[in-house]
């Protein structure tokens, strides 16, 4: 059951206005902390793919330009685009593997077209987020993230030996090892305020160590212009895509949805740390974050660079600084936007030696791998889910390493399954679809939201309890919970719009000794979880306004209210007694 909690470390909430110096300072800090991740990922993906390095200046300009726009949209929240919170946008790690595959097999123009088409699915997901909440579970997204690490790490290790000809044989190992050790030690032992700077600290020290070996190229920095746009290297868009496009499109769509789920997680987390008194998650904010992410991906495709996503470091920054004002997000956007037009500044990052970049990237992928593990574990692992995770992970790894019947895979199947992330994701989705289709069926009741629906709902719930062989006391408890939930819904409806009749869909699903009820309708009031949490902190005084809420607290073991644009999902769990 939801309980209220306070976060005394928050100095400024999203809609509050800190002093200008605080906004500028927090904005510059956040931008610099994330700058390496935004730029280096693009450089590494292009170098791994073997595409000409003349493409790098444009790709960096475009990714900074798009990151600035999408970060601004996240903070400003224009209509339904943006979260209204500080969510830093930057290069998406989920796309590393598929972008390498697209660049290597078809080139930047085809990659750009794939990003444009797949970004449309993100807008679709945002608009239908409530319908897809059961399909894209933490189990699926966590497994895909694990497979991303498996797919990218072998390519990253190749960079460890990418040094100029004639370099000392110990140059690359020393530079990479020093960078790796410094970042790891800083992450593990440094205070929280310094921990956020660990990537920059490690990269700077790694470059200092690499410079005497001649690994740091200063000529590119000297030759770079102070201000400008590298228009000549825009790759364009492939309007007549070939077979590679159609083979890679499913992988891009899947990764787009995986990246979207990462944005969902960040959209939920940033709400929990941005207010002094924590509230239930508002999924309208999450939908706004997804739409801004979709705009970023669409612009990335049009400009021919890697797609965007939200950065989880946004949550850590808010926790450390205590500044959650969305004006900070706008300041971050301004810094990214300005740096996009300063080639000399970005040349400093491009010149980072590949072994140093590979060491940094290793830490990044390791953290991504652990994030995937955490998502899988938090979702709960029983023997069914273990089969899904195990088969998806190891079959994906096998296809990536080309050790599963390589002679039998030719043509379309070879291109499709040669990417471990794509192969493993297909396995995971097929297995989850099988589990959902063969699992306990949900009973459904569709009616009008009104007092006259009470007998119909009561009869429906008693039939559900009878089918589960519940005793009379448990059945009465289930019916009472349903009645109080309906009373709360009617109260919220009458306070917002008493003249409008709304549809109500009720699902009931048995899960062991519990029955889960889902009430789906449209409400205009506050989140039910917040009101229930508020009651938990009050003495049990008789108040007619609170009776239904208090009774619902008594009958149900858990209540969850998810608010989306145009729809509310109230999930109530009642346990057999």
Protein backbone atom coordinates (compact mmCIF):
# COMPACT_ATOMS: atom_id res chain seq x y z
CA UNK A 1 0.00 0.00 0.00
CA UNK A 2 1.27 3.47 -0.79
CA UNK A 3 2.64 5.54 2.08
CA UNK A 4 3.73 9.12 2.08
CA UNK A 5 7.38 9.99 2.46
CA UNK A 6 9.32 13.22 2.41
CA UNK A 7 12.56 14.17 0.71
CA UNK A 8 14.15 16.97 2.69
CA UNK A 9 17.14 17.21 0.33
CA UNK A 10 15.04 18.84 -2.42
CA UNK A 11 15.68 22.58 -2.45
CA UNK A 12 13.68 23.46 -5.56
CA UNK A 13 10.80 21.45 -7.03
CA UNK A 14 10.15 21.31 -10.83
CA UNK A 15 7.86 24.34 -10.97
CA UNK A 16 9.88 26.51 -8.58
CA UNK A 17 12.34 29.19 -9.71
CA UNK A 18 15.84 29.07 -8.19
CA UNK A 19 18.22 32.04 -8.42
CA UNK A 20 19.79 32.46 -11.87
CA UNK A 21 23.29 31.55 -10.65
CA UNK A 22 21.99 28.28 -9.20
CA UNK A 23 20.29 27.45 -12.51
CA UNK A 24 23.41 28.23 -14.57
CA UNK A 25 25.75 26.35 -12.22
CA UNK A 26 23.60 23.23 -12.05
CA UNK A 27 23.00 23.32 -15.79
CA UNK A 28 26.70 23.57 -16.73
CA UNK A 29 27.60 20.82 -14.25
CA UNK A 30 24.99 18.43 -15.63
CA UNK A 31 25.93 19.17 -19.24
CA UNK A 32 29.65 18.58 -18.65
CA UNK A 33 29.01 15.36 -16.73
CA UNK A 34 27.00 13.93 -19.62
CA UNK A 35 29.00 15.44 -22.49
CA UNK A 36 31.48 12.57 -22.77
CA UNK A 37 28.70 9.98 -22.96
CA UNK A 38 26.84 11.97 -25.63
CA UNK A 39 29.84 12.52 -27.92
CA UNK A 40 32.11 9.53 -27.34
CA UNK A 41 29.36 7.00 -28.02
CA UNK A 42 28.91 8.45 -31.51
CA UNK A 43 32.65 8.41 -32.19
CA UNK A 44 33.06 4.82 -30.99
CA UNK A 45 30.08 3.46 -32.96
CA UNK A 46 31.35 5.08 -36.19
CA UNK A 47 34.90 3.79 -35.67
CA UNK A 48 33.69 0.27 -34.84
CA UNK A 49 31.51 0.17 -37.96
CA UNK A 50 34.41 1.08 -40.25
CA UNK A 51 32.66 4.08 -41.82
CA UNK A 52 34.88 6.96 -42.97
CA UNK A 53 35.85 9.27 -40.12
CA UNK A 54 34.89 12.27 -42.26
CA UNK A 55 31.35 11.50 -41.09
CA UNK A 56 32.26 12.04 -37.41
CA UNK A 57 32.18 15.90 -37.29
CA UNK A 58 28.64 16.05 -38.66
CA UNK A 59 27.43 13.20 -36.44
CA UNK A 60 28.77 14.99 -33.34
CA UNK A 61 27.25 18.33 -34.35
CA UNK A 62 23.89 16.66 -35.01
CA UNK A 63 23.81 14.66 -31.78
CA UNK A 64 24.60 17.74 -29.65
CA UNK A 65 22.06 19.81 -31.58
CA UNK A 66 19.34 17.18 -31.14
CA UNK A 67 20.27 16.56 -27.50
CA UNK A 68 19.85 20.26 -26.82
CA UNK A 69 16.42 20.41 -28.46
CA UNK A 70 15.10 17.24 -26.84
CA UNK A 71 16.42 18.20 -23.38
CA UNK A 72 14.67 21.56 -23.78
CA UNK A 73 11.41 19.82 -24.73
CA UNK A 74 11.66 17.53 -21.71
CA UNK A 75 11.96 20.50 -19.38
CA UNK A 76 9.58 22.93 -21.07
CA UNK A 77 6.77 20.37 -21.68
CA UNK A 78 5.00 21.83 -24.71
CA UNK A 79 1.48 20.37 -24.92
CA UNK A 80 1.98 16.60 -24.51
CA UNK A 81 5.65 16.69 -25.50
CA UNK A 82 8.04 16.63 -22.56
CA UNK A 83 7.97 15.55 -18.94
CA UNK A 84 8.23 18.94 -17.24
CA UNK A 85 11.24 17.60 -15.29
CA UNK A 86 15.03 17.67 -15.57
CA UNK A 87 15.71 14.78 -17.94
CA UNK A 88 19.01 15.01 -19.80
CA UNK A 89 18.84 13.61 -23.34
CA UNK A 90 21.81 12.10 -25.13
CA UNK A 91 23.06 9.26 -27.32
CA UNK A 92 21.13 6.03 -26.72
CA UNK A 93 23.20 3.02 -25.67
CA UNK A 94 20.40 0.68 -26.69
CA UNK A 95 21.05 1.54 -30.36
CA UNK A 96 24.80 0.83 -30.38
CA UNK A 97 24.58 -2.68 -31.80
CA UNK A 98 21.95 -2.04 -34.48
CA UNK A 99 23.56 1.22 -35.59
CA UNK A 100 26.91 -0.53 -35.98
CA UNK A 101 25.18 -3.20 -38.07
CA UNK A 102 23.40 -0.59 -40.21
CA UNK A 103 26.51 1.53 -40.76
CA UNK A 104 28.68 -1.46 -41.60
CA UNK A 105 26.23 -3.11 -44.00
CA UNK A 106 24.38 -0.18 -45.59
CA UNK A 107 25.92 3.15 -44.56
CA UNK A 108 24.78 6.29 -42.72
CA UNK A 109 21.92 7.17 -45.11
CA UNK A 110 20.17 3.82 -44.56
CA UNK A 111 20.75 4.11 -40.82
CA UNK A 112 19.10 7.54 -40.87
CA UNK A 113 16.06 6.15 -42.69
CA UNK A 114 15.77 3.28 -40.22
CA UNK A 115 15.86 5.72 -37.30
CA UNK A 116 13.16 7.92 -38.86
CA UNK A 117 10.79 5.01 -39.48
CA UNK A 118 11.36 3.36 -36.10
CA UNK A 119 10.86 6.67 -34.24
CA UNK A 120 7.23 6.65 -35.36
CA UNK A 121 6.69 3.55 -33.24
CA UNK A 122 7.78 5.52 -30.17
CA UNK A 123 4.96 8.02 -30.67
CA UNK A 124 2.60 5.07 -31.06
CA UNK A 125 3.89 3.55 -27.82
CA UNK A 126 3.41 6.85 -25.99
CA UNK A 127 -0.19 7.14 -27.14
CA UNK A 128 -0.96 3.48 -26.31
CA UNK A 129 1.23 3.11 -23.23
CA UNK A 130 -1.66 1.88 -21.08
CA UNK A 131 -2.45 -0.95 -23.52
CA UNK A 132 1.14 -2.18 -23.72
CA UNK A 133 1.87 -2.18 -19.99
CA UNK A 134 1.66 -5.99 -19.82
CA UNK A 135 3.71 -6.76 -22.90
CA UNK A 136 6.85 -4.68 -22.39
CA UNK A 137 7.60 -5.88 -18.90
CA UNK A 138 10.86 -5.36 -16.98
CA UNK A 139 11.66 -9.00 -17.83
CA UNK A 140 11.65 -8.35 -21.58
CA UNK A 141 13.43 -4.99 -21.45
CA UNK A 142 16.01 -6.25 -18.94
CA UNK A 143 16.83 -9.26 -21.11
CA UNK A 144 17.27 -7.06 -24.17
CA UNK A 145 19.62 -4.77 -22.26
CA UNK A 146 21.71 -7.80 -21.26
CA UNK A 147 21.90 -8.76 -24.93
CA UNK A 148 22.99 -5.25 -25.92
CA UNK A 149 26.05 -5.67 -23.71
CA UNK A 150 26.82 -9.08 -25.22
CA UNK A 151 26.56 -7.66 -28.73
CA UNK A 152 28.64 -4.52 -28.20
CA UNK A 153 31.42 -5.62 -25.85
CA UNK A 154 33.41 -7.72 -28.39
CA UNK A 155 33.43 -4.72 -30.73
CA UNK A 156 34.54 -2.43 -27.91
CA UNK A 157 37.45 -4.71 -27.05
CA UNK A 158 38.70 -4.32 -30.63
CA UNK A 159 39.33 -0.63 -29.89
CA UNK A 160 41.85 -1.53 -27.19
CA UNK A 161 44.47 -2.21 -29.85
CA UNK A 162 43.53 0.63 -32.19
CA UNK A 163 46.71 2.74 -31.93
CA UNK A 164 48.94 4.42 -34.53
CA UNK A 165 51.45 2.20 -36.26
CA UNK A 166 54.81 2.20 -34.53
CA UNK A 167 53.39 2.94 -31.07
CA UNK A 168 54.95 1.27 -28.04
CA UNK A 169 53.41 -2.16 -27.36
CA UNK A 170 52.65 -1.11 -23.78
CA UNK A 171 50.99 2.21 -24.72
CA UNK A 172 47.47 0.89 -25.29
CA UNK A 173 47.41 -1.48 -22.24
CA UNK A 174 48.70 1.21 -19.87
CA UNK A 175 46.32 3.92 -21.13
CA UNK A 176 43.31 1.60 -21.03
CA UNK A 177 44.16 0.11 -17.63
CA UNK A 178 44.75 3.49 -15.97
CA UNK A 179 41.46 4.84 -17.34
CA UNK A 180 39.53 1.75 -16.24
CA UNK A 181 41.02 1.70 -12.74
CA UNK A 182 40.52 5.43 -12.12
CA UNK A 183 36.86 5.37 -13.20
CA UNK A 184 36.14 2.17 -11.25
CA UNK A 185 37.80 3.40 -8.04
CA UNK A 186 36.08 6.78 -8.28
CA UNK A 187 32.69 5.15 -8.77
CA UNK A 188 33.21 2.74 -5.89
CA UNK A 189 34.90 4.94 -3.29
CA UNK A 190 34.46 8.62 -4.08
CA UNK A 191 31.80 10.72 -2.31
CA UNK A 192 28.51 11.12 -4.21
CA UNK A 193 29.29 14.63 -5.44
CA UNK A 194 32.55 13.44 -7.04
CA UNK A 195 31.11 10.13 -8.26
CA UNK A 196 29.13 11.94 -10.96
CA UNK A 197 32.39 13.30 -12.37
CA UNK A 198 34.10 9.88 -12.48
CA UNK A 199 33.91 9.47 -16.30
CA UNK A 200 35.51 12.86 -16.92
CA UNK A 201 38.19 12.27 -14.26
CA UNK A 202 39.07 8.87 -15.73
CA UNK A 203 39.17 10.12 -19.32
CA UNK A 204 41.33 13.14 -18.46
CA UNK A 205 43.86 11.03 -16.52
CA UNK A 206 43.82 8.40 -19.26
CA UNK A 207 44.60 11.04 -21.89
CA UNK A 208 47.41 12.46 -19.77
CA UNK A 209 48.96 8.99 -19.48
CA UNK A 210 48.46 8.31 -23.22
CA UNK A 211 49.92 11.62 -24.43
CA UNK A 212 53.64 10.77 -23.87
CA UNK A 213 53.12 7.64 -26.01
CA UNK A 214 51.85 9.80 -28.88
CA UNK A 215 48.28 8.47 -28.67
CA UNK A 216 46.55 11.83 -28.19
CA UNK A 217 46.14 13.59 -31.54
CA UNK A 218 46.42 17.34 -31.01
CA UNK A 219 46.52 18.22 -34.72
CA UNK A 220 42.77 17.72 -35.13
CA UNK A 221 42.18 20.14 -32.24
CA UNK A 222 44.48 22.78 -33.72
CA UNK A 223 42.88 22.46 -37.16
CA UNK A 224 39.29 22.63 -35.86
CA UNK A 225 37.36 25.87 -36.35
CA UNK A 226 36.21 27.84 -33.34
CA UNK A 227 32.71 28.20 -34.72
CA UNK A 228 30.89 26.50 -37.56
CA UNK A 229 28.71 23.69 -38.89
CA UNK A 230 30.18 20.79 -40.95
CA UNK A 231 27.39 20.81 -43.55
CA UNK A 232 29.42 18.91 -46.14
CA UNK A 233 29.30 15.59 -44.26
CA UNK A 234 25.53 15.26 -43.81
CA UNK A 235 24.82 11.69 -45.05
CA UNK A 236 21.32 12.36 -46.32
CA UNK A 237 18.38 9.93 -46.27
CA UNK A 238 18.00 6.78 -48.34
CA UNK A 239 14.65 7.08 -50.13
CA UNK A 240 15.11 3.79 -52.00
CA UNK A 241 16.15 1.39 -49.23
CA UNK A 242 17.48 -2.04 -50.17
CA UNK A 243 17.21 -5.44 -48.55
CA UNK A 244 19.44 -4.38 -45.63
CA UNK A 245 16.80 -1.82 -44.62
CA UNK A 246 14.01 -4.40 -44.42
CA UNK A 247 16.19 -6.91 -42.61
CA UNK A 248 17.31 -4.39 -39.98
CA UNK A 249 13.95 -2.63 -39.54
CA UNK A 250 12.56 -5.21 -37.04
CA UNK A 251 15.69 -4.84 -34.94
CA UNK A 252 15.42 -1.03 -34.98
CA UNK A 253 11.76 -1.18 -33.99
CA UNK A 254 12.50 -3.55 -31.11
CA UNK A 255 15.40 -1.41 -29.89
CA UNK A 256 13.23 1.71 -30.18
CA UNK A 257 10.69 0.09 -27.88
CA UNK A 258 13.46 -1.02 -25.51
CA UNK A 259 14.86 2.51 -25.43
CA UNK A 260 11.35 3.75 -24.79
CA UNK A 261 11.06 1.48 -21.78
CA UNK A 262 14.30 2.98 -20.46
CA UNK A 263 12.67 6.38 -20.83
CA UNK A 264 9.63 5.05 -18.98
CA UNK A 265 11.90 4.01 -16.12
CA UNK A 266 13.64 7.38 -16.01
CA UNK A 267 10.30 9.19 -16.26
CA UNK A 268 9.05 7.28 -13.24
CA UNK A 269 12.28 7.66 -11.23
CA UNK A 270 12.69 11.41 -11.77
CA UNK A 271 9.19 12.02 -10.39
CA UNK A 272 10.07 10.15 -7.20
CA UNK A 273 13.15 12.29 -6.45
CA UNK A 274 11.92 15.71 -7.60
CA UNK A 275 9.47 16.65 -4.84
CA UNK A 276 9.69 17.13 -1.10
CA UNK A 277 6.58 15.01 -0.58
CA UNK A 278 6.58 12.06 -2.90
CA UNK A 279 3.53 11.35 -5.01
CA UNK A 280 2.25 8.40 -7.00
CA UNK A 281 3.68 8.16 -10.51
CA UNK A 282 1.82 10.28 -13.06
CA UNK A 283 2.02 8.34 -16.31
CA UNK A 284 0.96 11.42 -18.26
CA UNK A 285 4.41 12.76 -17.38
CA UNK A 286 5.92 9.50 -18.66
CA UNK A 287 3.95 9.79 -21.91
CA UNK A 288 5.29 13.31 -22.32
CA UNK A 289 8.84 12.04 -21.78
CA UNK A 290 8.28 9.38 -24.46
CA UNK A 291 6.97 11.95 -26.93
CA UNK A 292 10.01 14.19 -26.40
CA UNK A 293 12.22 11.14 -26.82
CA UNK A 294 10.38 10.36 -30.06
CA UNK A 295 10.95 13.88 -31.36
CA UNK A 296 14.65 13.49 -30.55
CA UNK A 297 14.84 10.21 -32.45
CA UNK A 298 12.98 11.65 -35.43
CA UNK A 299 15.35 14.63 -35.57
CA UNK A 300 18.34 12.28 -35.16
CA UNK A 301 17.22 10.38 -38.25
CA UNK A 302 16.61 13.52 -40.28
CA UNK A 303 20.05 14.85 -39.35
CA UNK A 304 21.78 11.47 -39.75
CA UNK A 305 23.13 10.72 -36.28
CA UNK A 306 22.55 8.20 -33.49
CA UNK A 307 19.18 8.30 -31.67
CA UNK A 308 18.50 9.99 -28.35
CA UNK A 309 17.31 8.69 -25.01
CA UNK A 310 16.97 9.96 -21.45
CA UNK A 311 19.99 9.58 -19.17
CA UNK A 312 19.52 7.96 -15.76
CA UNK A 313 22.18 10.31 -14.41
CA UNK A 314 19.43 12.94 -14.40
CA UNK A 315 17.98 11.21 -11.33
CA UNK A 316 21.35 11.15 -9.55
CA UNK A 317 21.95 14.83 -10.34
CA UNK A 318 18.64 15.84 -8.78
CA UNK A 319 19.36 13.73 -5.69
CA UNK A 320 22.87 15.14 -5.26
CA UNK A 321 22.16 18.82 -5.98
CA UNK A 322 18.61 18.99 -4.60
CA UNK A 323 17.67 21.19 -7.57
CA UNK A 324 14.79 19.70 -9.58
CA UNK A 325 13.64 22.93 -11.21
CA UNK A 326 12.98 22.42 -14.88
CA UNK A 327 14.79 25.69 -15.57
CA UNK A 328 17.96 23.64 -14.99
CA UNK A 329 16.90 21.39 -17.87
CA UNK A 330 16.60 24.43 -20.10
CA UNK A 331 20.10 25.54 -19.04
CA UNK A 332 21.51 22.09 -19.92
CA UNK A 333 19.84 22.35 -23.33
CA UNK A 334 21.47 25.73 -23.96
CA UNK A 335 24.92 24.32 -23.14
CA UNK A 336 24.47 21.35 -25.53
CA UNK A 337 23.10 23.61 -28.25
CA UNK A 338 26.04 26.03 -27.89
CA UNK A 339 28.68 23.29 -27.93
CA UNK A 340 27.21 21.91 -31.16
CA UNK A 341 28.47 25.05 -32.95
CA UNK A 342 31.96 24.95 -31.37
CA UNK A 343 34.01 22.33 -33.29
CA UNK A 344 37.11 22.99 -31.23
CA UNK A 345 35.33 21.94 -28.03
CA UNK A 346 34.09 18.68 -29.57
CA UNK A 347 37.49 18.03 -31.20
CA UNK A 348 38.92 17.68 -27.68
CA UNK A 349 36.68 14.66 -27.23
CA UNK A 350 37.20 13.21 -30.71
CA UNK A 351 40.96 13.20 -30.10
CA UNK A 352 40.61 10.89 -27.10
CA UNK A 353 42.70 7.75 -27.86
CA UNK A 354 40.64 4.63 -28.73
CA UNK A 355 42.05 2.55 -25.81
CA UNK A 356 40.98 5.29 -23.36
CA UNK A 357 37.56 5.53 -25.00
CA UNK A 358 37.23 1.73 -24.95
CA UNK A 359 37.97 1.62 -21.21
CA UNK A 360 35.34 4.29 -20.55
CA UNK A 361 32.89 2.49 -22.82
CA UNK A 362 33.53 -0.77 -20.94
CA UNK A 363 32.39 0.85 -17.69
CA UNK A 364 29.34 2.24 -19.49
CA UNK A 365 28.34 -1.16 -20.91
CA UNK A 366 29.02 -2.89 -17.58
CA UNK A 367 26.60 -0.50 -15.87
CA UNK A 368 24.09 -1.10 -18.67
CA UNK A 369 24.45 -4.86 -18.14
CA UNK A 370 23.88 -4.49 -14.39
CA UNK A 371 20.85 -2.30 -15.06
CA UNK A 372 19.41 -5.10 -17.18
CA UNK A 373 20.09 -7.63 -14.40
CA UNK A 374 18.40 -5.37 -11.86
CA UNK A 375 15.30 -5.00 -14.03
CA UNK A 376 15.03 -8.77 -14.47
CA UNK A 377 15.52 -9.50 -10.75
CA UNK A 378 13.09 -6.82 -9.58
CA UNK A 379 10.44 -8.32 -11.85
CA UNK A 380 10.78 -11.61 -9.95
CA UNK A 381 12.25 -14.77 -11.44
CA UNK A 382 10.35 -18.05 -11.23
CA UNK A 383 11.09 -21.18 -13.27
CA UNK A 384 9.02 -19.92 -16.24
CA UNK A 385 10.79 -16.57 -16.41
CA UNK A 386 14.14 -18.28 -15.89
CA UNK A 387 13.55 -20.29 -19.08
CA UNK A 388 12.70 -17.09 -20.98
CA UNK A 389 15.79 -15.23 -19.76
CA UNK A 390 18.17 -18.17 -20.14
CA UNK A 391 17.10 -19.19 -23.63
CA UNK A 392 16.94 -15.61 -24.92
CA UNK A 393 20.36 -14.69 -23.51
CA UNK A 394 22.31 -17.78 -24.55
CA UNK A 395 20.66 -18.26 -27.94
CA UNK A 396 21.31 -14.57 -28.64
CA UNK A 397 24.93 -15.01 -27.57
CA UNK A 398 25.27 -18.11 -29.73
CA UNK A 399 23.92 -16.40 -32.83
CA UNK A 400 26.15 -13.38 -32.17
CA UNK A 401 29.23 -15.61 -32.00
CA UNK A 402 28.04 -17.58 -35.06
CA UNK A 403 28.27 -20.97 -33.34
CA UNK A 404 24.62 -22.05 -33.85
CA UNK A 405 24.31 -23.87 -37.19
CA UNK A 406 26.18 -21.14 -39.10
CA UNK A 407 26.15 -23.16 -42.35
CA UNK A 408 22.34 -23.36 -42.38
CA UNK A 409 21.77 -19.60 -41.98
CA UNK A 410 21.90 -17.84 -45.33
CA UNK A 411 20.37 -14.76 -46.95
CA UNK A 412 17.67 -13.02 -44.93
CA UNK A 413 17.95 -15.34 -41.91
CA UNK A 414 21.70 -14.85 -41.72
CA UNK A 415 21.39 -11.05 -41.63
CA UNK A 416 18.47 -11.16 -39.18
CA UNK A 417 19.98 -13.63 -36.69
CA UNK A 418 23.64 -12.58 -36.97
CA UNK A 419 22.87 -9.82 -34.47
CA UNK A 420 22.65 -11.42 -31.02
CA UNK A 421 20.39 -8.75 -29.61
CA UNK A 422 17.83 -9.17 -32.38
CA UNK A 423 17.89 -12.97 -32.18
CA UNK A 424 17.62 -13.03 -28.39
CA UNK A 425 14.84 -10.46 -28.35
CA UNK A 426 12.81 -12.48 -30.85
CA UNK A 427 13.20 -15.54 -28.61
CA UNK A 428 12.16 -13.59 -25.48
CA UNK A 429 9.09 -12.05 -27.10
CA UNK A 430 7.90 -15.36 -28.61
CA UNK A 431 8.27 -17.14 -25.24
CA UNK A 432 6.48 -14.35 -23.35
CA UNK A 433 3.64 -14.35 -25.87
CA UNK A 434 3.32 -18.10 -25.32
CA UNK A 435 3.18 -17.63 -21.52
CA UNK A 436 0.56 -14.89 -21.80
CA UNK A 437 -1.62 -16.84 -24.23
CA UNK A 438 -1.51 -20.03 -22.18
CA UNK A 439 -1.78 -18.40 -18.72
CA UNK A 440 -4.90 -17.83 -16.58
CA UNK A 441 -7.59 -16.07 -18.56
CA UNK A 442 -8.82 -12.68 -17.40
CA UNK A 443 -12.55 -12.21 -17.00
CA UNK A 444 -13.94 -8.96 -18.38
CA UNK A 445 -16.99 -6.83 -17.61
CA UNK A 446 -17.90 -3.72 -19.62
CA UNK A 447 -20.49 -1.35 -18.19
CA UNK A 448 -21.27 2.31 -17.51
CA UNK A 449 -19.67 4.12 -14.59
CA UNK A 450 -22.65 4.80 -12.35
CA UNK A 451 -24.45 3.62 -9.24
CA UNK A 452 -26.64 1.31 -11.33
CA UNK A 453 -23.51 -0.74 -12.17
CA UNK A 454 -23.17 -1.89 -8.55
CA UNK A 455 -25.35 -5.07 -8.81
CA UNK A 456 -23.67 -6.06 -12.07
CA UNK A 457 -20.19 -5.63 -10.58
CA UNK A 458 -21.17 -7.51 -7.41
CA UNK A 459 -22.47 -10.46 -9.43
CA UNK A 460 -19.34 -10.46 -11.61
CA UNK A 461 -17.04 -10.52 -8.58
CA UNK A 462 -18.97 -13.30 -6.85
CA UNK A 463 -18.69 -15.42 -9.99
CA UNK A 464 -14.96 -14.77 -10.02
CA UNK A 465 -14.61 -15.76 -6.36
CA UNK A 466 -16.70 -18.89 -6.94
CA UNK A 467 -14.53 -19.91 -9.89
CA UNK A 468 -11.51 -19.65 -7.61
CA UNK A 469 -13.28 -21.68 -4.89
CA UNK A 470 -13.06 -18.87 -2.38
CA UNK A 471 -14.99 -19.20 0.84
CA UNK A 472 -17.92 -16.88 1.60
CA UNK A 473 -15.85 -14.57 3.82
CA UNK A 474 -13.22 -14.06 1.11
CA UNK A 475 -15.91 -13.56 -1.54
CA UNK A 476 -17.62 -10.93 0.62
CA UNK A 477 -14.27 -9.17 1.03
CA UNK A 478 -13.71 -9.16 -2.73
CA UNK A 479 -17.19 -7.78 -3.43
CA UNK A 480 -16.79 -5.14 -0.71
CA UNK A 481 -13.46 -4.01 -2.20
CA UNK A 482 -15.12 -3.72 -5.61
CA UNK A 483 -18.01 -1.72 -4.16
CA UNK A 484 -15.72 0.72 -2.39
CA UNK A 485 -13.56 1.11 -5.49
CA UNK A 486 -16.70 1.97 -7.47
CA UNK A 487 -17.73 4.47 -4.80
CA UNK A 488 -14.35 6.18 -5.03
CA UNK A 489 -14.57 6.28 -8.83
CA UNK A 490 -18.08 7.75 -8.66
CA UNK A 491 -16.90 10.38 -6.19
CA UNK A 492 -13.98 11.38 -8.45
CA UNK A 493 -16.31 11.51 -11.46
CA UNK A 494 -18.98 13.57 -9.73
CA UNK A 495 -16.40 16.12 -8.59
CA UNK A 496 -15.03 16.56 -12.13
CA UNK A 497 -17.92 16.13 -14.53
CA UNK A 498 -21.30 14.93 -13.24
CA UNK A 499 -23.13 15.25 -16.57
CA UNK A 500 -20.91 12.95 -18.57
CA UNK A 501 -21.43 9.18 -18.57
CA UNK A 502 -18.19 7.25 -18.77
CA UNK A 503 -17.47 3.67 -19.74
CA UNK A 504 -16.02 1.31 -17.16
CA UNK A 505 -14.11 -1.88 -17.99
CA UNK A 506 -13.39 -4.30 -15.15
CA UNK A 507 -10.88 -7.14 -15.47
CA UNK A 508 -10.47 -9.90 -12.88
CA UNK A 509 -7.55 -12.33 -12.83
CA UNK A 510 -6.79 -15.07 -10.31
CA UNK A 511 -3.16 -15.38 -9.20
CA UNK A 512 -2.72 -18.05 -6.54
CA UNK A 513 -4.51 -16.95 -3.36
CA UNK A 514 -5.11 -13.45 -4.69
CA UNK A 515 -7.46 -11.89 -7.24
CA UNK A 516 -6.31 -8.81 -9.14
CA UNK A 517 -8.98 -6.36 -10.25
CA UNK A 518 -8.40 -3.69 -12.89
CA UNK A 519 -10.86 -0.82 -13.20
CA UNK A 520 -10.29 1.07 -16.45
CA UNK A 521 -12.05 4.39 -17.03
CA UNK A 522 -11.30 8.11 -17.39
CA UNK A 523 -11.04 10.44 -14.39
CA UNK A 524 -10.16 14.09 -13.96
CA UNK A 525 -9.38 14.11 -10.24
CA UNK A 526 -6.25 13.46 -8.21
CA UNK A 527 -4.38 10.19 -8.08
CA UNK A 528 -6.11 7.70 -5.78
CA UNK A 529 -2.78 6.44 -4.42
CA UNK A 530 -1.90 9.92 -3.16
CA UNK A 531 -5.22 10.23 -1.34
CA UNK A 532 -4.86 6.78 0.23
CA UNK A 533 -1.31 7.62 1.31
CA UNK A 534 -2.60 10.86 2.83
CA UNK A 535 -5.15 8.90 4.88
CA UNK A 536 -2.42 6.64 6.24
CA UNK A 537 -0.91 9.66 7.99
CA UNK A 538 -4.20 10.80 9.60
CA UNK A 539 -5.92 9.51 12.74
CA UNK A 540 -9.04 7.39 12.06
CA UNK A 541 -11.54 10.21 12.53
CA UNK A 542 -15.07 9.71 11.11
CA UNK A 543 -15.26 11.78 7.95
CA UNK A 544 -17.88 10.98 5.34
CA UNK A 545 -15.57 12.23 2.60
CA UNK A 546 -12.97 9.60 3.52
CA UNK A 547 -15.15 6.56 4.31
CA UNK A 548 -14.82 4.82 0.93
CA UNK A 549 -11.06 5.37 0.87
CA UNK A 550 -10.65 3.96 4.39
CA UNK A 551 -12.78 0.91 3.62
CA UNK A 552 -10.81 0.29 0.44
CA UNK A 553 -7.61 0.40 2.50
CA UNK A 554 -9.15 -2.20 4.80
CA UNK A 555 -10.32 -4.70 2.17
CA UNK A 556 -7.49 -4.51 -0.40
CA UNK A 557 -3.91 -5.63 0.13
CA UNK A 558 -2.67 -3.16 -2.49
CA UNK A 559 -4.07 -0.33 -4.60
CA UNK A 560 -2.29 1.17 -7.60
CA UNK A 561 -3.58 4.06 -9.71
CA UNK A 562 -1.99 4.77 -13.10
CA UNK A 563 -3.12 7.97 -14.81
CA UNK A 564 -2.61 8.24 -18.58
CA UNK A 565 -3.91 10.80 -21.05
CA UNK A 566 -7.57 9.92 -21.48
CA UNK A 567 -7.55 6.78 -19.35
CA UNK A 568 -7.09 5.68 -15.73
CA UNK A 569 -6.12 2.17 -14.62
CA UNK A 570 -6.84 1.30 -10.98
CA UNK A 571 -5.38 -2.05 -9.95
CA UNK A 572 -6.64 -3.58 -6.70
CA UNK A 573 -5.41 -6.85 -5.19
CA UNK A 574 -7.53 -8.79 -2.68
CA UNK A 575 -6.05 -11.79 -0.88
CA UNK A 576 -8.08 -14.82 0.15
CA UNK A 577 -8.62 -15.12 3.93
